[in-house]
C-alpha atoms as a PDB file:
ATOM      1  CA  MET A   1      -4.202 -17.408  -6.444  1.00  0.00           C
ATOM      2  CA  SER A   2      -4.235 -13.672  -5.725  1.00  0.00           C
ATOM      3  CA  TYR A   3      -4.718 -11.653  -2.533  1.00  0.00           C
ATOM      4  CA  LEU A   4      -6.743  -8.444  -2.418  1.00  0.00           C
ATOM      5  CA  TYR A   5      -6.158  -5.488  -0.112  1.00  0.00           C
ATOM      6  CA  GLU A   6      -7.992  -2.222   0.409  1.00  0.00           C
ATOM      7  CA  THR A   7      -5.376   0.548   0.648  1.00  0.00           C
ATOM      8  CA  HIS A   8      -7.450   3.676   1.345  1.00  0.00           C
ATOM      9  CA  LEU A   9     -10.135   3.538   4.038  1.00  0.00           C
ATOM     10  CA  HIS A  10     -11.545   6.033   6.563  1.00  0.00           C
ATOM     11  CA  THR A  11     -13.296   5.509   9.898  1.00  0.00           C
ATOM     12  CA  ASN A  12     -15.525   7.838  11.893  1.00  0.00           C
ATOM     13  CA  ALA A  13     -13.183   7.635  14.882  1.00  0.00           C
ATOM     14  CA  ALA A  14     -10.712  10.044  13.290  1.00  0.00           C
ATOM     15  CA  SER A  15     -11.929  11.162   9.848  1.00  0.00           C
ATOM     16  CA  LYS A  16     -14.549  13.908  10.071  1.00  0.00           C
ATOM     17  CA  CYS A  17     -15.940  12.930   6.661  1.00  0.00           C
ATOM     18  CA  ALA A  18     -16.379   9.218   7.493  1.00  0.00           C
ATOM     19  CA  VAL A  19     -19.610   7.552   8.615  1.00  0.00           C
ATOM     20  CA  SER A  20     -18.653   3.932   9.308  1.00  0.00           C
ATOM     21  CA  ALA A  21     -16.690   2.638  12.286  1.00  0.00           C
ATOM     22  CA  GLY A  22     -13.584   0.584  11.642  1.00  0.00           C
ATOM     23  CA  SER A  23     -15.273  -2.623  12.770  1.00  0.00           C
ATOM     24  CA  ASP A  24     -18.128  -2.057  10.293  1.00  0.00           C
ATOM     25  CA  TYR A  25     -15.863  -2.793   7.332  1.00  0.00           C
ATOM     26  CA  ILE A  26     -14.674  -6.254   8.320  1.00  0.00           C
ATOM     27  CA  SER A  27     -17.546  -8.490   7.253  1.00  0.00           C
ATOM     28  CA  TYR A  28     -18.055  -6.343   4.144  1.00  0.00           C
ATOM     29  CA  TYR A  29     -14.526  -6.879   2.857  1.00  0.00           C
ATOM     30  CA  LYS A  30     -14.533 -10.535   3.838  1.00  0.00           C
ATOM     31  CA  GLU A  31     -17.644 -11.033   1.696  1.00  0.00           C
ATOM     32  CA  LEU A  32     -15.838  -9.365  -1.213  1.00  0.00           C
ATOM     33  CA  GLY A  33     -12.958 -11.820  -0.885  1.00  0.00           C
ATOM     34  CA  TYR A  34     -10.324  -9.396   0.407  1.00  0.00           C
ATOM     35  CA  ASP A  35      -7.422 -10.694   2.478  1.00  0.00           C
ATOM     36  CA  GLY A  36      -7.031  -7.413   4.335  1.00  0.00           C
ATOM     37  CA  ILE A  37      -7.558  -3.672   4.623  1.00  0.00           C
ATOM     38  CA  ILE A  38      -5.363  -0.692   5.463  1.00  0.00           C
ATOM     39  CA  VAL A  39      -6.957   2.008   7.617  1.00  0.00           C
ATOM     40  CA  THR A  40      -5.828   5.456   6.424  1.00  0.00           C
ATOM     41  CA  ASP A  41      -7.680   8.052   8.490  1.00  0.00           C
ATOM     42  CA  HIS A  42      -7.168  11.768   7.870  1.00  0.00           C
ATOM     43  CA  PHE A  43      -4.382  13.041  10.110  1.00  0.00           C
ATOM     44  CA  PHE A  44      -4.444  16.285  12.107  1.00  0.00           C
ATOM     45  CA  ASN A  45      -3.517  18.401   9.073  1.00  0.00           C
ATOM     46  CA  GLY A  46      -6.495  17.048   7.133  1.00  0.00           C
ATOM     47  CA  ASN A  47     -10.220  16.491   7.628  1.00  0.00           C
ATOM     48  CA  CYS A  48      -9.723  15.068  11.103  1.00  0.00           C
ATOM     49  CA  CYS A  49     -12.215  15.055  13.979  1.00  0.00           C
ATOM     50  CA  ILE A  50      -9.704  14.725  16.834  1.00  0.00           C
ATOM     51  CA  PRO A  51      -9.788  17.797  19.137  1.00  0.00           C
ATOM     52  CA  GLN A  52      -6.852  20.128  18.608  1.00  0.00           C
ATOM     53  CA  ASP A  53      -6.535  21.338  22.202  1.00  0.00           C
ATOM     54  CA  LEU A  54      -5.322  18.051  23.673  1.00  0.00           C
ATOM     55  CA  PRO A  55      -1.713  16.996  24.320  1.00  0.00           C
ATOM     56  CA  TRP A  56      -0.048  15.508  21.236  1.00  0.00           C
ATOM     57  CA  SER A  57       0.278  11.997  22.671  1.00  0.00           C
ATOM     58  CA  GLU A  58      -3.394  11.912  23.673  1.00  0.00           C
ATOM     59  CA  ARG A  59      -4.437  13.113  20.232  1.00  0.00           C
ATOM     60  CA  VAL A  60      -2.437  10.321  18.610  1.00  0.00           C
ATOM     61  CA  ASP A  61      -4.070   7.730  20.902  1.00  0.00           C
ATOM     62  CA  LEU A  62      -7.510   8.959  19.878  1.00  0.00           C
ATOM     63  CA  PHE A  63      -6.497   9.058  16.220  1.00  0.00           C
ATOM     64  CA  CYS A  64      -5.503   5.388  16.258  1.00  0.00           C
ATOM     65  CA  ARG A  65      -8.814   4.158  17.691  1.00  0.00           C
ATOM     66  CA  GLY A  66     -10.411   3.680  14.278  1.00  0.00           C
ATOM     67  CA  TYR A  67      -7.600   1.333  13.262  1.00  0.00           C
ATOM     68  CA  GLU A  68      -7.618  -0.443  16.627  1.00  0.00           C
ATOM     69  CA  ASP A  69     -11.363  -1.006  16.445  1.00  0.00           C
ATOM     70  CA  ALA A  70     -11.021  -2.451  12.947  1.00  0.00           C
ATOM     71  CA  LYS A  71      -8.029  -4.574  13.995  1.00  0.00           C
ATOM     72  CA  ALA A  72      -9.864  -6.115  16.934  1.00  0.00           C
ATOM     73  CA  GLU A  73     -12.829  -7.090  14.765  1.00  0.00           C
ATOM     74  CA  GLY A  74     -10.533  -8.207  11.941  1.00  0.00           C
ATOM     75  CA  ASP A  75      -8.705 -10.528  14.325  1.00  0.00           C
ATOM     76  CA  ARG A  76     -12.049 -11.940  15.455  1.00  0.00           C
ATOM     77  CA  GLN A  77     -13.334 -12.578  11.926  1.00  0.00           C
ATOM     78  CA  GLY A  78     -10.048 -13.448  10.229  1.00  0.00           C
ATOM     79  CA  LEU A  79      -9.369 -10.349   8.111  1.00  0.00           C
ATOM     80  CA  LYS A  80      -5.962  -8.637   8.201  1.00  0.00           C
ATOM     81  CA  VAL A  81      -5.993  -4.981   9.246  1.00  0.00           C
ATOM     82  CA  PHE A  82      -2.979  -2.691   8.870  1.00  0.00           C
ATOM     83  CA  PHE A  83      -2.298   0.881   9.986  1.00  0.00           C
ATOM     84  CA  ALA A  84      -1.486   3.953   7.899  1.00  0.00           C
ATOM     85  CA  TRP A  85      -2.743   7.537   7.599  1.00  0.00           C
ATOM     86  CA  GLU A  86      -3.463  10.353   5.144  1.00  0.00           C
ATOM     87  CA  SER A  87      -1.644  13.686   5.496  1.00  0.00           C
ATOM     88  CA  ARG A  88      -2.650  16.937   3.839  1.00  0.00           C
ATOM     89  CA  PHE A  89      -0.689  19.970   2.716  1.00  0.00           C
ATOM     90  CA  ASP A  90      -2.274  22.727   0.582  1.00  0.00           C
ATOM     91  CA  GLY A  91      -5.026  20.654  -0.960  1.00  0.00           C
ATOM     92  CA  ASP A  92      -2.707  17.794  -1.912  1.00  0.00           C
ATOM     93  CA  GLU A  93      -2.804  14.642   0.186  1.00  0.00           C
ATOM     94  CA  PHE A  94      -0.450  11.730   0.800  1.00  0.00           C
ATOM     95  CA  LEU A  95      -0.950   8.216   2.133  1.00  0.00           C
ATOM     96  CA  ILE A  96       1.759   7.177   4.600  1.00  0.00           C
ATOM     97  CA  TYR A  97       2.417   3.461   5.085  1.00  0.00           C
ATOM     98  CA  GLY A  98       4.894   1.504   7.188  1.00  0.00           C
ATOM     99  CA  LEU A  99       5.123   3.648  10.329  1.00  0.00           C
ATOM    100  CA  ASP A 100       3.195   3.294  13.582  1.00  0.00           C
ATOM    101  CA  LYS A 101       1.655   5.026  16.581  1.00  0.00           C
ATOM    102  CA  HIS A 102       5.015   5.263  18.338  1.00  0.00           C
ATOM    103  CA  TRP A 103       6.497   7.048  15.314  1.00  0.00           C
ATOM    104  CA  LEU A 104       3.634   9.557  15.320  1.00  0.00           C
ATOM    105  CA  LYS A 105       4.033  10.232  19.019  1.00  0.00           C
ATOM    106  CA  SER A 106       7.742  10.843  18.488  1.00  0.00           C
ATOM    107  CA  HIS A 107       7.270  13.423  15.710  1.00  0.00           C
ATOM    108  CA  PRO A 108       4.986  16.299  16.749  1.00  0.00           C
ATOM    109  CA  GLU A 109       7.214  18.532  14.606  1.00  0.00           C
ATOM    110  CA  MET A 110       5.857  16.823  11.505  1.00  0.00           C
ATOM    111  CA  MET A 111       3.062  19.391  11.395  1.00  0.00           C
ATOM    112  CA  GLU A 112       5.651  21.974  10.335  1.00  0.00           C
ATOM    113  CA  TRP A 113       7.323  19.910   7.610  1.00  0.00           C
ATOM    114  CA  ASP A 114       7.163  20.844   3.948  1.00  0.00           C
ATOM    115  CA  HIS A 115       6.803  18.173   1.248  1.00  0.00           C
ATOM    116  CA  THR A 116      10.535  17.547   0.894  1.00  0.00           C
ATOM    117  CA  THR A 117      11.233  17.293   4.625  1.00  0.00           C
ATOM    118  CA  HIS A 118       8.168  15.090   5.055  1.00  0.00           C
ATOM    119  CA  TYR A 119       9.303  12.695   2.342  1.00  0.00           C
ATOM    120  CA  ARG A 120      12.905  12.594   3.560  1.00  0.00           C
ATOM    121  CA  HIS A 121      11.969  11.714   7.156  1.00  0.00           C
ATOM    122  CA  ILE A 122       9.481   9.035   6.168  1.00  0.00           C
ATOM    123  CA  GLN A 123      11.909   7.472   3.701  1.00  0.00           C
ATOM    124  CA  ALA A 124      14.669   7.467   6.314  1.00  0.00           C
ATOM    125  CA  ASP A 125      12.464   5.562   8.753  1.00  0.00           C
ATOM    126  CA  GLY A 126      11.364   2.953   6.224  1.00  0.00           C
ATOM    127  CA  GLY A 127       7.964   4.349   5.304  1.00  0.00           C
ATOM    128  CA  LEU A 128       6.194   4.685   1.971  1.00  0.00           C
ATOM    129  CA  VAL A 129       4.652   7.906   0.618  1.00  0.00           C
ATOM    130  CA  VAL A 130       1.904   7.699  -2.012  1.00  0.00           C
ATOM    131  CA  GLN A 131       0.274  10.805  -3.421  1.00  0.00           C
ATOM    132  CA  ALA A 132      -3.454  10.231  -3.075  1.00  0.00           C
ATOM    133  CA  HIS A 133      -5.684  11.074  -6.071  1.00  0.00           C
ATOM    134  CA  PRO A 134      -3.028  13.425  -7.585  1.00  0.00           C
ATOM    135  CA  PHE A 135      -5.239  14.980 -10.295  1.00  0.00           C
ATOM    136  CA  ARG A 136      -8.324  15.370  -8.097  1.00  0.00           C
ATOM    137  CA  GLU A 137     -10.516  18.416  -8.707  1.00  0.00           C
ATOM    138  CA  ARG A 138     -13.111  19.543  -6.175  1.00  0.00           C
ATOM    139  CA  ASN A 139     -15.175  22.671  -5.552  1.00  0.00           C
ATOM    140  CA  TYR A 140     -13.003  23.520  -2.534  1.00  0.00           C
ATOM    141  CA  LEU A 141      -9.841  23.508  -4.684  1.00  0.00           C
ATOM    142  CA  THR A 142      -8.672  26.285  -6.985  1.00  0.00           C
ATOM    143  CA  GLU A 143      -5.491  24.545  -8.194  1.00  0.00           C
ATOM    144  CA  VAL A 144      -4.117  21.018  -8.503  1.00  0.00           C
ATOM    145  CA  TYR A 145      -0.668  20.173  -7.126  1.00  0.00           C
ATOM    146  CA  VAL A 146       1.196  17.112  -8.407  1.00  0.00           C
ATOM    147  CA  HIS A 147       4.368  15.938  -6.630  1.00  0.00           C
ATOM    148  CA  PRO A 148       6.187  13.220  -8.597  1.00  0.00           C
ATOM    149  CA  HIS A 149       9.466  13.825  -6.724  1.00  0.00           C
ATOM    150  CA  GLN A 150       8.079  14.001  -3.199  1.00  0.00           C
ATOM    151  CA  CYS A 151       6.536  10.532  -3.081  1.00  0.00           C
ATOM    152  CA  ASP A 152       7.213   6.897  -3.982  1.00  0.00           C
ATOM    153  CA  ALA A 153       4.040   6.230  -5.960  1.00  0.00           C
ATOM    154  CA  PHE A 154       0.773   7.671  -7.282  1.00  0.00           C
ATOM    155  CA  GLU A 155      -2.692   6.450  -6.372  1.00  0.00           C
ATOM    156  CA  VAL A 156      -3.906   6.421  -9.979  1.00  0.00           C
ATOM    157  CA  ALA A 157      -7.267   4.734  -9.325  1.00  0.00           C
ATOM    158  CA  ASN A 158      -9.401   6.199  -6.558  1.00  0.00           C
ATOM    159  CA  ALA A 159     -13.035   5.115  -6.339  1.00  0.00           C
ATOM    160  CA  GLY A 160     -14.022   8.579  -5.118  1.00  0.00           C
ATOM    161  CA  ASN A 161     -12.727  10.217  -8.307  1.00  0.00           C
ATOM    162  CA  PRO A 162     -14.452  10.706 -11.632  1.00  0.00           C
ATOM    163  CA  TYR A 163     -12.857   8.366 -14.152  1.00  0.00           C
ATOM    164  CA  GLU A 164     -11.379  11.347 -16.020  1.00  0.00           C
ATOM    165  CA  GLN A 165      -9.209  12.338 -13.073  1.00  0.00           C
ATOM    166  CA  ASN A 166      -8.007   8.776 -12.561  1.00  0.00           C
ATOM    167  CA  ARG A 167      -7.144   8.521 -16.248  1.00  0.00           C
ATOM    168  CA  MET A 168      -4.954  11.600 -16.057  1.00  0.00           C
ATOM    169  CA  ALA A 169      -3.079  10.202 -13.055  1.00  0.00           C
ATOM    170  CA  TYR A 170      -2.688   6.827 -14.742  1.00  0.00           C
ATOM    171  CA  ARG A 171      -1.428   8.337 -18.006  1.00  0.00           C
ATOM    172  CA  TYR A 172       1.019  10.598 -16.194  1.00  0.00           C
ATOM    173  CA  ALA A 173       2.382   7.791 -14.015  1.00  0.00           C
ATOM    174  CA  LYS A 174       2.698   5.455 -16.977  1.00  0.00           C
ATOM    175  CA  LYS A 175       4.535   8.042 -19.087  1.00  0.00           C
ATOM    176  CA  TYR A 176       7.056   8.816 -16.346  1.00  0.00           C
ATOM    177  CA  HIS A 177       7.343   5.274 -14.926  1.00  0.00           C
ATOM    178  CA  ILE A 178       5.906   6.164 -11.528  1.00  0.00           C
ATOM    179  CA  THR A 179       4.753   3.214  -9.414  1.00  0.00           C
ATOM    180  CA  MET A 180       0.953   3.034  -9.294  1.00  0.00           C
ATOM    181  CA  THR A 181      -1.521   2.042  -6.580  1.00  0.00           C
ATOM    182  CA  ALA A 182      -5.315   1.912  -6.306  1.00  0.00           C
ATOM    183  CA  GLY A 183      -7.758   2.309  -3.426  1.00  0.00           C
ATOM    184  CA  SER A 184     -11.424   2.899  -2.704  1.00  0.00           C
ATOM    185  CA  ASP A 185     -11.103   5.954  -0.440  1.00  0.00           C
ATOM    186  CA  ILE A 186     -14.135   4.475   1.267  1.00  0.00           C
ATOM    187  CA  HIS A 187     -15.939   6.434   4.019  1.00  0.00           C
ATOM    188  CA  GLN A 188     -19.137   4.454   4.484  1.00  0.00           C
ATOM    189  CA  VAL A 189     -19.926   0.799   3.891  1.00  0.00           C
ATOM    190  CA  SER A 190     -23.541   1.198   2.837  1.00  0.00           C
ATOM    191  CA  THR A 191     -22.904   3.724   0.049  1.00  0.00           C
ATOM    192  CA  THR A 192     -20.176   1.802  -1.756  1.00  0.00           C
ATOM    193  CA  SER A 193     -21.210  -0.816  -4.293  1.00  0.00           C
ATOM    194  CA  LYS A 194     -19.052  -3.766  -5.229  1.00  0.00           C
ATOM    195  CA  ARG A 195     -18.304  -2.090  -8.555  1.00  0.00           C
ATOM    196  CA  GLU A 196     -16.738   0.882  -6.755  1.00  0.00           C
ATOM    197  CA  VAL A 197     -14.385  -1.050  -4.472  1.00  0.00           C
ATOM    198  CA  TYR A 198     -10.778  -0.843  -5.650  1.00  0.00           C
ATOM    199  CA  GLY A 199      -7.509  -1.964  -4.103  1.00  0.00           C
ATOM    200  CA  MET A 200      -4.312  -3.849  -4.800  1.00  0.00           C
ATOM    201  CA  GLU A 201      -3.923  -7.453  -5.886  1.00  0.00           C
ATOM    202  CA  PHE A 202      -0.777  -9.347  -4.818  1.00  0.00           C
ATOM    203  CA  ASP A 203       0.666 -12.650  -5.960  1.00  0.00           C
ATOM    204  CA  GLU A 204       1.542 -13.566  -2.366  1.00  0.00           C
ATOM    205  CA  PRO A 205      -0.242 -12.638   0.882  1.00  0.00           C
ATOM    206  CA  LEU A 206       0.854  -9.685   3.007  1.00  0.00           C
ATOM    207  CA  HIS A 207       1.686 -10.403   6.636  1.00  0.00           C
ATOM    208  CA  SER A 208       2.401  -6.856   7.790  1.00  0.00           C
ATOM    209  CA  ILE A 209       2.312  -3.257   6.614  1.00  0.00           C
ATOM    210  CA  THR A 210       6.074  -3.583   6.119  1.00  0.00           C
ATOM    211  CA  ASP A 211       5.364  -6.252   3.507  1.00  0.00           C
ATOM    212  CA  TYR A 212       3.165  -3.759   1.665  1.00  0.00           C
ATOM    213  CA  VAL A 213       5.861  -1.078   1.756  1.00  0.00           C
ATOM    214  CA  THR A 214       8.570  -3.470   0.576  1.00  0.00           C
ATOM    215  CA  ARG A 215       6.569  -4.819  -2.345  1.00  0.00           C
ATOM    216  CA  ILE A 216       5.338  -1.457  -3.586  1.00  0.00           C
ATOM    217  CA  LYS A 217       8.882  -0.091  -3.476  1.00  0.00           C
ATOM    218  CA  LYS A 218      10.120  -3.176  -5.309  1.00  0.00           C
ATOM    219  CA  GLY A 219       7.466  -2.572  -7.969  1.00  0.00           C
ATOM    220  CA  THR A 220       6.652  -6.171  -8.851  1.00  0.00           C
ATOM    221  CA  GLY A 221       4.275  -8.927  -7.772  1.00  0.00           C
ATOM    222  CA  PHE A 222       1.107  -6.836  -7.729  1.00  0.00           C
ATOM    223  CA  SER A 223      -1.498  -5.224  -9.944  1.00  0.00           C
ATOM    224  CA  LEU A 224      -4.273  -2.654  -9.655  1.00  0.00           C
ATOM    225  CA  HIS A 225      -7.630  -4.080  -8.620  1.00  0.00           C
ATOM    226  CA  VAL A 226      -9.795  -1.857 -10.814  1.00  0.00           C
ATOM    227  CA  PRO A 227     -11.607  -2.445 -14.117  1.00  0.00           C
ATOM    228  CA  SER A 228      -9.003  -1.672 -16.789  1.00  0.00           C
ATOM    229  CA  TRP A 229     -11.487   0.152 -19.011  1.00  0.00           C
ATOM    230  CA  GLN A 230     -11.880   2.827 -16.358  1.00  0.00           C
ATOM    231  CA  LEU A 231      -8.259   3.875 -16.882  1.00  0.00           C
ATOM    232  CA  GLU A 232      -8.261   3.834 -20.688  1.00  0.00           C
ATOM    233  CA  TRP A 233      -7.612   7.256 -22.173  1.00  0.00           C
ATOM    234  CA  CYS A 234     -10.659   8.845 -23.783  1.00  0.00           C
ATOM    235  CA  SER A 235     -10.833  11.695 -26.254  1.00  0.00           C
ATOM    236  CA  GLY A 236     -11.722  14.916 -24.473  1.00  0.00           C
ATOM    237  CA  THR A 237     -10.098  13.973 -21.176  1.00  0.00           C
ATOM    238  CA  SER A 238      -8.747  17.198 -19.731  1.00  0.00           C
ATOM    239  CA  ASN A 239      -7.970  19.191 -16.625  1.00  0.00           C
ATOM    240  CA  HIS A 240     -10.362  21.965 -15.621  1.00  0.00           C
ATOM    241  CA  LEU A 241      -8.306  23.623 -12.899  1.00  0.00           C
ATOM    242  CA  PRO A 242      -4.740  24.944 -13.233  1.00  0.00           C
ATOM    243  CA  VAL A 243      -2.233  22.144 -12.628  1.00  0.00           C
ATOM    244  CA  TYR A 244       1.183  22.660 -11.045  1.00  0.00           C
ATOM    245  CA  ILE A 245       3.833  19.950 -11.353  1.00  0.00           C
ATOM    246  CA  PHE A 246       6.470  20.254  -8.619  1.00  0.00           C
ATOM    247  CA  ASP A 247      10.094  19.636  -9.594  1.00  0.00           C
ATOM    248  CA  LYS A 248      12.900  17.986  -7.603  1.00  0.00           C
ATOM    249  CA  ASN A 249      13.379  21.156  -5.574  1.00  0.00           C
ATOM    250  CA  ASN A 250       9.652  21.291  -4.779  1.00  0.00           C
ATOM    251  CA  VAL A 251       9.251  24.311  -7.050  1.00  0.00           C
ATOM    252  CA  PRO A 252       5.886  24.437  -8.893  1.00  0.00           C
ATOM    253  CA  ILE A 253       5.786  24.505 -12.689  1.00  0.00           C
ATOM    254  CA  ALA A 254       2.518  25.872 -14.055  1.00  0.00           C
ATOM    255  CA  THR A 255       0.753  23.981 -16.835  1.00  0.00           C
ATOM    256  CA  ASN A 256      -2.218  24.994 -18.945  1.00  0.00           C
ATOM    257  CA  SER A 257      -3.304  21.948 -20.903  1.00  0.00           C
ATOM    258  CA  VAL A 258      -3.218  18.175 -21.020  1.00  0.00           C
ATOM    259  CA  HIS A 259      -0.475  18.348 -23.641  1.00  0.00           C
ATOM    260  CA  GLN A 260       1.695  20.543 -21.434  1.00  0.00           C
ATOM    261  CA  ILE A 261       1.036  18.411 -18.356  1.00  0.00           C
ATOM    262  CA  PHE A 262       2.377  15.312 -20.054  1.00  0.00           C
ATOM    263  CA  GLU A 263       5.437  17.192 -21.246  1.00  0.00           C
ATOM    264  CA  THR A 264       6.262  18.572 -17.795  1.00  0.00           C
ATOM    265  CA  TYR A 265       8.273  16.691 -15.211  1.00  0.00           C
END
């Protein structure tokens, strides 16, 4: 038996780009056979709808309402709901798992952290950092930033990405032995078909977000819940924006082609 979990989900309580409320997702994922979901709303440095002129603690309370709404309905219907969030830097985004509301309230200085400081603090407090959709290209981006040394894993399958971009992330992670995750990056229940719902499949059930962190860091006992053919390398797969791979000192290394990308680490 396997246990499915959604790892990348947005609610309209905190994510400006989301349409569905947290509670809207519960029956949907139960029907798909999932054991649980992880709510990962955009934090204040991303596409967040929480007012900026409120005290930090009040902003955090409002931010967590999407998760709390989903959790209450999940408890009622029997679907596990865990808390996480998505942070943004200069166009690159990271999913943060294993920490809670109290941790957020205690770290208002996090808004000033660079990638290295961010990763160090979250690691020290037992959290997990996953770079979300690392090879994503969008019309609001002029460059792509990839951070293999400032995270624990790559989200190599994101249902909001074209397959080409997922394939590049998958190939890069596989070549350099980077732990891989998958998620739907879902923003609205009604616009996501069953074919487009990704996630993670575990051999044993998760009982807490700490379980998720521990197992991903261990690197065994799970697999990507995504059709394998979507990640198979295809001739012509390429980047279209300049890609920068950041080294251990968080210094960007420019790349020009697929060949150079896979030779740069």
